[in-house]
Protein backbone atom coordinates (compact mmCIF):
# COMPACT_ATOMS: atom_id res chain seq x y z
CA UNK A 1 0.00 0.00 0.00
CA UNK A 2 2.76 2.47 0.94
CA UNK A 3 4.51 1.80 -2.40
CA UNK A 4 1.26 2.69 -4.17
CA UNK A 5 1.05 5.99 -2.26
CA UNK A 6 4.59 6.94 -3.32
CA UNK A 7 3.88 5.93 -6.91
CA UNK A 8 0.74 8.10 -6.99
CA UNK A 9 2.74 10.96 -5.43
CA UNK A 10 5.31 10.66 -8.20
CA UNK A 11 2.55 10.76 -10.81
CA UNK A 12 1.08 13.90 -9.22
CA UNK A 13 4.53 15.56 -9.33
CA UNK A 14 4.77 14.71 -13.05
CA UNK A 15 1.28 16.14 -13.58
CA UNK A 16 2.35 19.29 -11.75
CA UNK A 17 5.41 19.64 -13.99
CA UNK A 18 3.31 19.19 -17.15
CA UNK A 19 0.71 21.71 -15.95
CA UNK A 20 3.28 24.36 -15.01
CA UNK A 21 5.21 23.84 -18.25
CA UNK A 22 2.09 24.08 -20.39
CA UNK A 23 0.89 27.33 -18.86
CA UNK A 24 4.31 29.00 -18.67
CA UNK A 25 4.96 28.18 -22.34
CA UNK A 26 1.57 29.63 -23.28
CA UNK A 27 2.77 33.05 -22.06
CA UNK A 28 6.48 32.84 -22.85
CA UNK A 29 8.75 30.52 -24.83
CA UNK A 30 11.70 32.43 -23.40
CA UNK A 31 11.46 30.92 -19.92
CA UNK A 32 13.15 28.56 -17.51
CA UNK A 33 11.24 25.89 -15.59
CA UNK A 34 13.10 23.78 -13.05
CA UNK A 35 12.34 21.05 -10.55
CA UNK A 36 14.03 22.08 -7.33
CA UNK A 37 13.24 18.77 -5.63
CA UNK A 38 10.35 17.00 -3.99
CA UNK A 39 7.25 18.92 -4.95
CA UNK A 40 8.99 22.27 -5.49
CA UNK A 41 9.38 23.91 -8.90
CA UNK A 42 10.65 27.26 -10.13
CA UNK A 43 9.70 29.18 -13.25
CA UNK A 44 11.61 32.22 -14.43
CA UNK A 45 9.73 34.12 -17.12
CA UNK A 46 9.61 37.51 -18.74
CA UNK A 47 7.04 39.98 -17.52
CA UNK A 48 3.52 38.74 -18.28
CA UNK A 49 0.05 38.65 -16.78
CA UNK A 50 1.28 36.42 -13.97
CA UNK A 51 -2.03 36.60 -12.10
CA UNK A 52 -3.80 34.98 -15.08
CA UNK A 53 -0.93 32.50 -15.40
CA UNK A 54 -1.36 31.52 -11.74
CA UNK A 55 -5.17 31.28 -11.98
CA UNK A 56 -4.99 29.14 -15.14
CA UNK A 57 -2.34 26.84 -13.64
CA UNK A 58 -4.36 26.39 -10.43
CA UNK A 59 -7.59 25.78 -12.35
CA UNK A 60 -6.04 23.01 -14.44
CA UNK A 61 -4.17 21.47 -11.50
CA UNK A 62 -7.33 21.39 -9.36
CA UNK A 63 -9.24 19.82 -12.25
CA UNK A 64 -6.62 17.10 -12.85
CA UNK A 65 -5.51 16.11 -9.35
CA UNK A 66 -8.75 14.34 -8.29
CA UNK A 67 -8.02 11.77 -11.03
CA UNK A 68 -5.22 10.43 -8.80
CA UNK A 69 -7.59 9.67 -5.90
CA UNK A 70 -10.63 7.50 -5.49
CA UNK A 71 -14.01 9.21 -5.35
CA UNK A 72 -14.46 8.64 -1.61
CA UNK A 73 -11.12 10.31 -0.78
CA UNK A 74 -11.95 13.31 -2.97
CA UNK A 75 -15.34 13.74 -1.28
CA UNK A 76 -13.76 13.51 2.19
CA UNK A 77 -10.91 15.80 1.16
CA UNK A 78 -8.22 13.48 2.51
CA UNK A 79 -6.70 10.01 2.27
CA UNK A 80 -6.04 7.66 5.15
CA UNK A 81 -2.64 5.98 5.09
CA UNK A 82 -0.87 3.85 7.69
CA UNK A 83 2.48 5.33 8.72
CA UNK A 84 5.61 3.26 9.45
CA UNK A 85 4.26 2.38 12.89
CA UNK A 86 0.97 1.20 11.42
CA UNK A 87 -0.95 4.20 12.75
CA UNK A 88 -3.54 5.58 10.33
CA UNK A 89 -2.92 9.22 9.40
CA UNK A 90 -5.00 11.61 7.33
CA UNK A 91 -3.38 13.51 4.47
CA UNK A 92 -5.33 16.19 2.59
CA UNK A 93 -5.92 15.95 -1.14
CA UNK A 94 -2.96 17.67 -2.81
CA UNK A 95 -3.19 21.36 -3.68
CA UNK A 96 -0.78 23.71 -5.43
CA UNK A 97 0.76 26.81 -3.83
CA UNK A 98 2.46 29.42 -6.01
CA UNK A 99 4.68 32.29 -4.91
CA UNK A 100 5.37 35.13 -7.34
CA UNK A 101 8.31 37.53 -7.09
CA UNK A 102 8.41 40.20 -9.77
CA UNK A 103 12.00 41.24 -10.41
CA UNK A 104 12.44 44.52 -12.21
CA UNK A 105 14.28 47.63 -11.15
CA UNK A 106 14.28 46.65 -7.45
CA UNK A 107 17.60 46.58 -5.69
CA UNK A 108 17.99 42.86 -5.12
CA UNK A 109 21.63 42.45 -4.22
CA UNK A 110 22.01 38.77 -5.16
CA UNK A 111 20.05 35.93 -6.73
CA UNK A 112 20.09 34.36 -3.25
CA UNK A 113 18.05 37.30 -1.95
CA UNK A 114 15.45 36.70 -4.67
CA UNK A 115 15.40 33.01 -3.70
CA UNK A 116 14.86 33.86 -0.03
CA UNK A 117 11.98 36.20 -0.84
CA UNK A 118 10.52 33.56 -3.16
CA UNK A 119 10.60 31.00 -0.33
CA UNK A 120 8.83 33.44 2.00
CA UNK A 121 6.10 34.19 -0.55
CA UNK A 122 5.61 30.49 -1.31
CA UNK A 123 5.37 29.79 2.43
CA UNK A 124 2.65 32.43 2.70
CA UNK A 125 0.76 30.76 -0.16
CA UNK A 126 0.97 27.39 1.64
CA UNK A 127 -0.77 28.86 4.70
CA UNK A 128 -3.91 29.45 2.60
CA UNK A 129 -6.41 26.58 2.53
CA UNK A 130 -6.66 25.02 -0.94
CA UNK A 131 -4.71 25.90 -4.05
CA UNK A 132 -3.51 29.48 -4.03
CA UNK A 133 -0.96 32.01 -5.14
CA UNK A 134 0.64 34.96 -3.38
CA UNK A 135 2.43 37.85 -5.06
CA UNK A 136 5.31 39.64 -3.37
CA UNK A 137 4.18 43.28 -3.08
CA UNK A 138 7.21 44.64 -1.23
CA UNK A 139 9.03 47.50 -2.89
CA UNK A 140 12.53 48.72 -2.13
C-alpha atoms as a PDB file:
ATOM      1  CA  UNK A   1       0.000   0.000   0.000  1.00  0.00           C
ATOM      2  CA  UNK A   2       2.758   2.472   0.937  1.00  0.00           C
ATOM      3  CA  UNK A   3       4.515   1.805  -2.403  1.00  0.00           C
ATOM      4  CA  UNK A   4       1.263   2.685  -4.172  1.00  0.00           C
ATOM      5  CA  UNK A   5       1.051   5.988  -2.264  1.00  0.00           C
ATOM      6  CA  UNK A   6       4.593   6.944  -3.318  1.00  0.00           C
ATOM      7  CA  UNK A   7       3.884   5.932  -6.913  1.00  0.00           C
ATOM      8  CA  UNK A   8       0.744   8.104  -6.993  1.00  0.00           C
ATOM      9  CA  UNK A   9       2.736  10.958  -5.429  1.00  0.00           C
ATOM     10  CA  UNK A  10       5.315  10.660  -8.199  1.00  0.00           C
ATOM     11  CA  UNK A  11       2.547  10.759 -10.810  1.00  0.00           C
ATOM     12  CA  UNK A  12       1.085  13.899  -9.222  1.00  0.00           C
ATOM     13  CA  UNK A  13       4.526  15.557  -9.328  1.00  0.00           C
ATOM     14  CA  UNK A  14       4.771  14.707 -13.049  1.00  0.00           C
ATOM     15  CA  UNK A  15       1.277  16.137 -13.584  1.00  0.00           C
ATOM     16  CA  UNK A  16       2.346  19.286 -11.747  1.00  0.00           C
ATOM     17  CA  UNK A  17       5.405  19.637 -13.989  1.00  0.00           C
ATOM     18  CA  UNK A  18       3.308  19.190 -17.151  1.00  0.00           C
ATOM     19  CA  UNK A  19       0.713  21.707 -15.952  1.00  0.00           C
ATOM     20  CA  UNK A  20       3.284  24.360 -15.011  1.00  0.00           C
ATOM     21  CA  UNK A  21       5.214  23.844 -18.252  1.00  0.00           C
ATOM     22  CA  UNK A  22       2.085  24.077 -20.393  1.00  0.00           C
ATOM     23  CA  UNK A  23       0.886  27.334 -18.864  1.00  0.00           C
ATOM     24  CA  UNK A  24       4.305  28.999 -18.674  1.00  0.00           C
ATOM     25  CA  UNK A  25       4.961  28.179 -22.336  1.00  0.00           C
ATOM     26  CA  UNK A  26       1.572  29.629 -23.277  1.00  0.00           C
ATOM     27  CA  UNK A  27       2.772  33.054 -22.065  1.00  0.00           C
ATOM     28  CA  UNK A  28       6.482  32.840 -22.847  1.00  0.00           C
ATOM     29  CA  UNK A  29       8.754  30.521 -24.830  1.00  0.00           C
ATOM     30  CA  UNK A  30      11.700  32.432 -23.396  1.00  0.00           C
ATOM     31  CA  UNK A  31      11.463  30.920 -19.918  1.00  0.00           C
ATOM     32  CA  UNK A  32      13.152  28.555 -17.514  1.00  0.00           C
ATOM     33  CA  UNK A  33      11.241  25.888 -15.592  1.00  0.00           C
ATOM     34  CA  UNK A  34      13.096  23.783 -13.053  1.00  0.00           C
ATOM     35  CA  UNK A  35      12.341  21.046 -10.554  1.00  0.00           C
ATOM     36  CA  UNK A  36      14.034  22.079  -7.326  1.00  0.00           C
ATOM     37  CA  UNK A  37      13.242  18.773  -5.634  1.00  0.00           C
ATOM     38  CA  UNK A  38      10.350  17.000  -3.989  1.00  0.00           C
ATOM     39  CA  UNK A  39       7.246  18.921  -4.952  1.00  0.00           C
ATOM     40  CA  UNK A  40       8.992  22.272  -5.493  1.00  0.00           C
ATOM     41  CA  UNK A  41       9.375  23.911  -8.898  1.00  0.00           C
ATOM     42  CA  UNK A  42      10.647  27.263 -10.128  1.00  0.00           C
ATOM     43  CA  UNK A  43       9.697  29.182 -13.252  1.00  0.00           C
ATOM     44  CA  UNK A  44      11.612  32.221 -14.434  1.00  0.00           C
ATOM     45  CA  UNK A  45       9.734  34.120 -17.118  1.00  0.00           C
ATOM     46  CA  UNK A  46       9.612  37.514 -18.742  1.00  0.00           C
ATOM     47  CA  UNK A  47       7.039  39.981 -17.517  1.00  0.00           C
ATOM     48  CA  UNK A  48       3.523  38.743 -18.280  1.00  0.00           C
ATOM     49  CA  UNK A  49       0.047  38.648 -16.784  1.00  0.00           C
ATOM     50  CA  UNK A  50       1.279  36.419 -13.967  1.00  0.00           C
ATOM     51  CA  UNK A  51      -2.032  36.605 -12.098  1.00  0.00           C
ATOM     52  CA  UNK A  52      -3.800  34.979 -15.082  1.00  0.00           C
ATOM     53  CA  UNK A  53      -0.933  32.499 -15.399  1.00  0.00           C
ATOM     54  CA  UNK A  54      -1.360  31.519 -11.735  1.00  0.00           C
ATOM     55  CA  UNK A  55      -5.166  31.280 -11.980  1.00  0.00           C
ATOM     56  CA  UNK A  56      -4.987  29.140 -15.142  1.00  0.00           C
ATOM     57  CA  UNK A  57      -2.343  26.845 -13.638  1.00  0.00           C
ATOM     58  CA  UNK A  58      -4.356  26.395 -10.435  1.00  0.00           C
ATOM     59  CA  UNK A  59      -7.585  25.784 -12.347  1.00  0.00           C
ATOM     60  CA  UNK A  60      -6.042  23.008 -14.439  1.00  0.00           C
ATOM     61  CA  UNK A  61      -4.166  21.470 -11.502  1.00  0.00           C
ATOM     62  CA  UNK A  62      -7.327  21.393  -9.365  1.00  0.00           C
ATOM     63  CA  UNK A  63      -9.236  19.823 -12.254  1.00  0.00           C
ATOM     64  CA  UNK A  64      -6.624  17.097 -12.847  1.00  0.00           C
ATOM     65  CA  UNK A  65      -5.506  16.113  -9.346  1.00  0.00           C
ATOM     66  CA  UNK A  66      -8.751  14.344  -8.290  1.00  0.00           C
ATOM     67  CA  UNK A  67      -8.018  11.775 -11.030  1.00  0.00           C
ATOM     68  CA  UNK A  68      -5.223  10.429  -8.797  1.00  0.00           C
ATOM     69  CA  UNK A  69      -7.592   9.671  -5.897  1.00  0.00           C
ATOM     70  CA  UNK A  70     -10.626   7.499  -5.486  1.00  0.00           C
ATOM     71  CA  UNK A  71     -14.012   9.213  -5.349  1.00  0.00           C
ATOM     72  CA  UNK A  72     -14.455   8.641  -1.611  1.00  0.00           C
ATOM     73  CA  UNK A  73     -11.122  10.306  -0.777  1.00  0.00           C
ATOM     74  CA  UNK A  74     -11.949  13.313  -2.973  1.00  0.00           C
ATOM     75  CA  UNK A  75     -15.344  13.736  -1.285  1.00  0.00           C
ATOM     76  CA  UNK A  76     -13.756  13.509   2.187  1.00  0.00           C
ATOM     77  CA  UNK A  77     -10.911  15.801   1.164  1.00  0.00           C
ATOM     78  CA  UNK A  78      -8.216  13.485   2.512  1.00  0.00           C
ATOM     79  CA  UNK A  79      -6.702  10.009   2.275  1.00  0.00           C
ATOM     80  CA  UNK A  80      -6.038   7.665   5.150  1.00  0.00           C
ATOM     81  CA  UNK A  81      -2.636   5.984   5.092  1.00  0.00           C
ATOM     82  CA  UNK A  82      -0.867   3.849   7.689  1.00  0.00           C
ATOM     83  CA  UNK A  83       2.484   5.332   8.718  1.00  0.00           C
ATOM     84  CA  UNK A  84       5.606   3.255   9.446  1.00  0.00           C
ATOM     85  CA  UNK A  85       4.257   2.378  12.887  1.00  0.00           C
ATOM     86  CA  UNK A  86       0.967   1.196  11.417  1.00  0.00           C
ATOM     87  CA  UNK A  87      -0.947   4.199  12.748  1.00  0.00           C
ATOM     88  CA  UNK A  88      -3.538   5.582  10.332  1.00  0.00           C
ATOM     89  CA  UNK A  89      -2.921   9.218   9.397  1.00  0.00           C
ATOM     90  CA  UNK A  90      -5.004  11.609   7.334  1.00  0.00           C
ATOM     91  CA  UNK A  91      -3.385  13.514   4.470  1.00  0.00           C
ATOM     92  CA  UNK A  92      -5.332  16.188   2.594  1.00  0.00           C
ATOM     93  CA  UNK A  93      -5.921  15.952  -1.141  1.00  0.00           C
ATOM     94  CA  UNK A  94      -2.962  17.667  -2.810  1.00  0.00           C
ATOM     95  CA  UNK A  95      -3.188  21.356  -3.683  1.00  0.00           C
ATOM     96  CA  UNK A  96      -0.783  23.708  -5.432  1.00  0.00           C
ATOM     97  CA  UNK A  97       0.761  26.813  -3.829  1.00  0.00           C
ATOM     98  CA  UNK A  98       2.457  29.420  -6.008  1.00  0.00           C
ATOM     99  CA  UNK A  99       4.683  32.285  -4.908  1.00  0.00           C
ATOM    100  CA  UNK A 100       5.371  35.134  -7.335  1.00  0.00           C
ATOM    101  CA  UNK A 101       8.307  37.532  -7.094  1.00  0.00           C
ATOM    102  CA  UNK A 102       8.413  40.200  -9.766  1.00  0.00           C
ATOM    103  CA  UNK A 103      11.995  41.241 -10.411  1.00  0.00           C
ATOM    104  CA  UNK A 104      12.437  44.525 -12.214  1.00  0.00           C
ATOM    105  CA  UNK A 105      14.285  47.626 -11.147  1.00  0.00           C
ATOM    106  CA  UNK A 106      14.285  46.654  -7.454  1.00  0.00           C
ATOM    107  CA  UNK A 107      17.598  46.579  -5.691  1.00  0.00           C
ATOM    108  CA  UNK A 108      17.994  42.863  -5.117  1.00  0.00           C
ATOM    109  CA  UNK A 109      21.633  42.454  -4.220  1.00  0.00           C
ATOM    110  CA  UNK A 110      22.010  38.773  -5.159  1.00  0.00           C
ATOM    111  CA  UNK A 111      20.052  35.931  -6.728  1.00  0.00           C
ATOM    112  CA  UNK A 112      20.091  34.358  -3.251  1.00  0.00           C
ATOM    113  CA  UNK A 113      18.051  37.297  -1.953  1.00  0.00           C
ATOM    114  CA  UNK A 114      15.455  36.696  -4.672  1.00  0.00           C
ATOM    115  CA  UNK A 115      15.402  33.010  -3.696  1.00  0.00           C
ATOM    116  CA  UNK A 116      14.862  33.856  -0.026  1.00  0.00           C
ATOM    117  CA  UNK A 117      11.978  36.200  -0.840  1.00  0.00           C
ATOM    118  CA  UNK A 118      10.519  33.560  -3.158  1.00  0.00           C
ATOM    119  CA  UNK A 119      10.597  31.001  -0.334  1.00  0.00           C
ATOM    120  CA  UNK A 120       8.826  33.444   2.003  1.00  0.00           C
ATOM    121  CA  UNK A 121       6.104  34.186  -0.554  1.00  0.00           C
ATOM    122  CA  UNK A 122       5.606  30.485  -1.306  1.00  0.00           C
ATOM    123  CA  UNK A 123       5.370  29.787   2.431  1.00  0.00           C
ATOM    124  CA  UNK A 124       2.652  32.432   2.704  1.00  0.00           C
ATOM    125  CA  UNK A 125       0.760  30.759  -0.161  1.00  0.00           C
ATOM    126  CA  UNK A 126       0.971  27.393   1.643  1.00  0.00           C
ATOM    127  CA  UNK A 127      -0.775  28.862   4.698  1.00  0.00           C
ATOM    128  CA  UNK A 128      -3.914  29.450   2.604  1.00  0.00           C
ATOM    129  CA  UNK A 129      -6.412  26.584   2.526  1.00  0.00           C
ATOM    130  CA  UNK A 130      -6.661  25.017  -0.937  1.00  0.00           C
ATOM    131  CA  UNK A 131      -4.706  25.895  -4.048  1.00  0.00           C
ATOM    132  CA  UNK A 132      -3.507  29.477  -4.028  1.00  0.00           C
ATOM    133  CA  UNK A 133      -0.956  32.014  -5.142  1.00  0.00           C
ATOM    134  CA  UNK A 134       0.637  34.964  -3.377  1.00  0.00           C
ATOM    135  CA  UNK A 135       2.427  37.847  -5.064  1.00  0.00           C
ATOM    136  CA  UNK A 136       5.311  39.645  -3.370  1.00  0.00           C
ATOM    137  CA  UNK A 137       4.182  43.278  -3.081  1.00  0.00           C
ATOM    138  CA  UNK A 138       7.210  44.642  -1.228  1.00  0.00           C
ATOM    139  CA  UNK A 139       9.027  47.499  -2.886  1.00  0.00           C
ATOM    140  CA  UNK A 140      12.531  48.718  -2.126  1.00  0.00           C
END
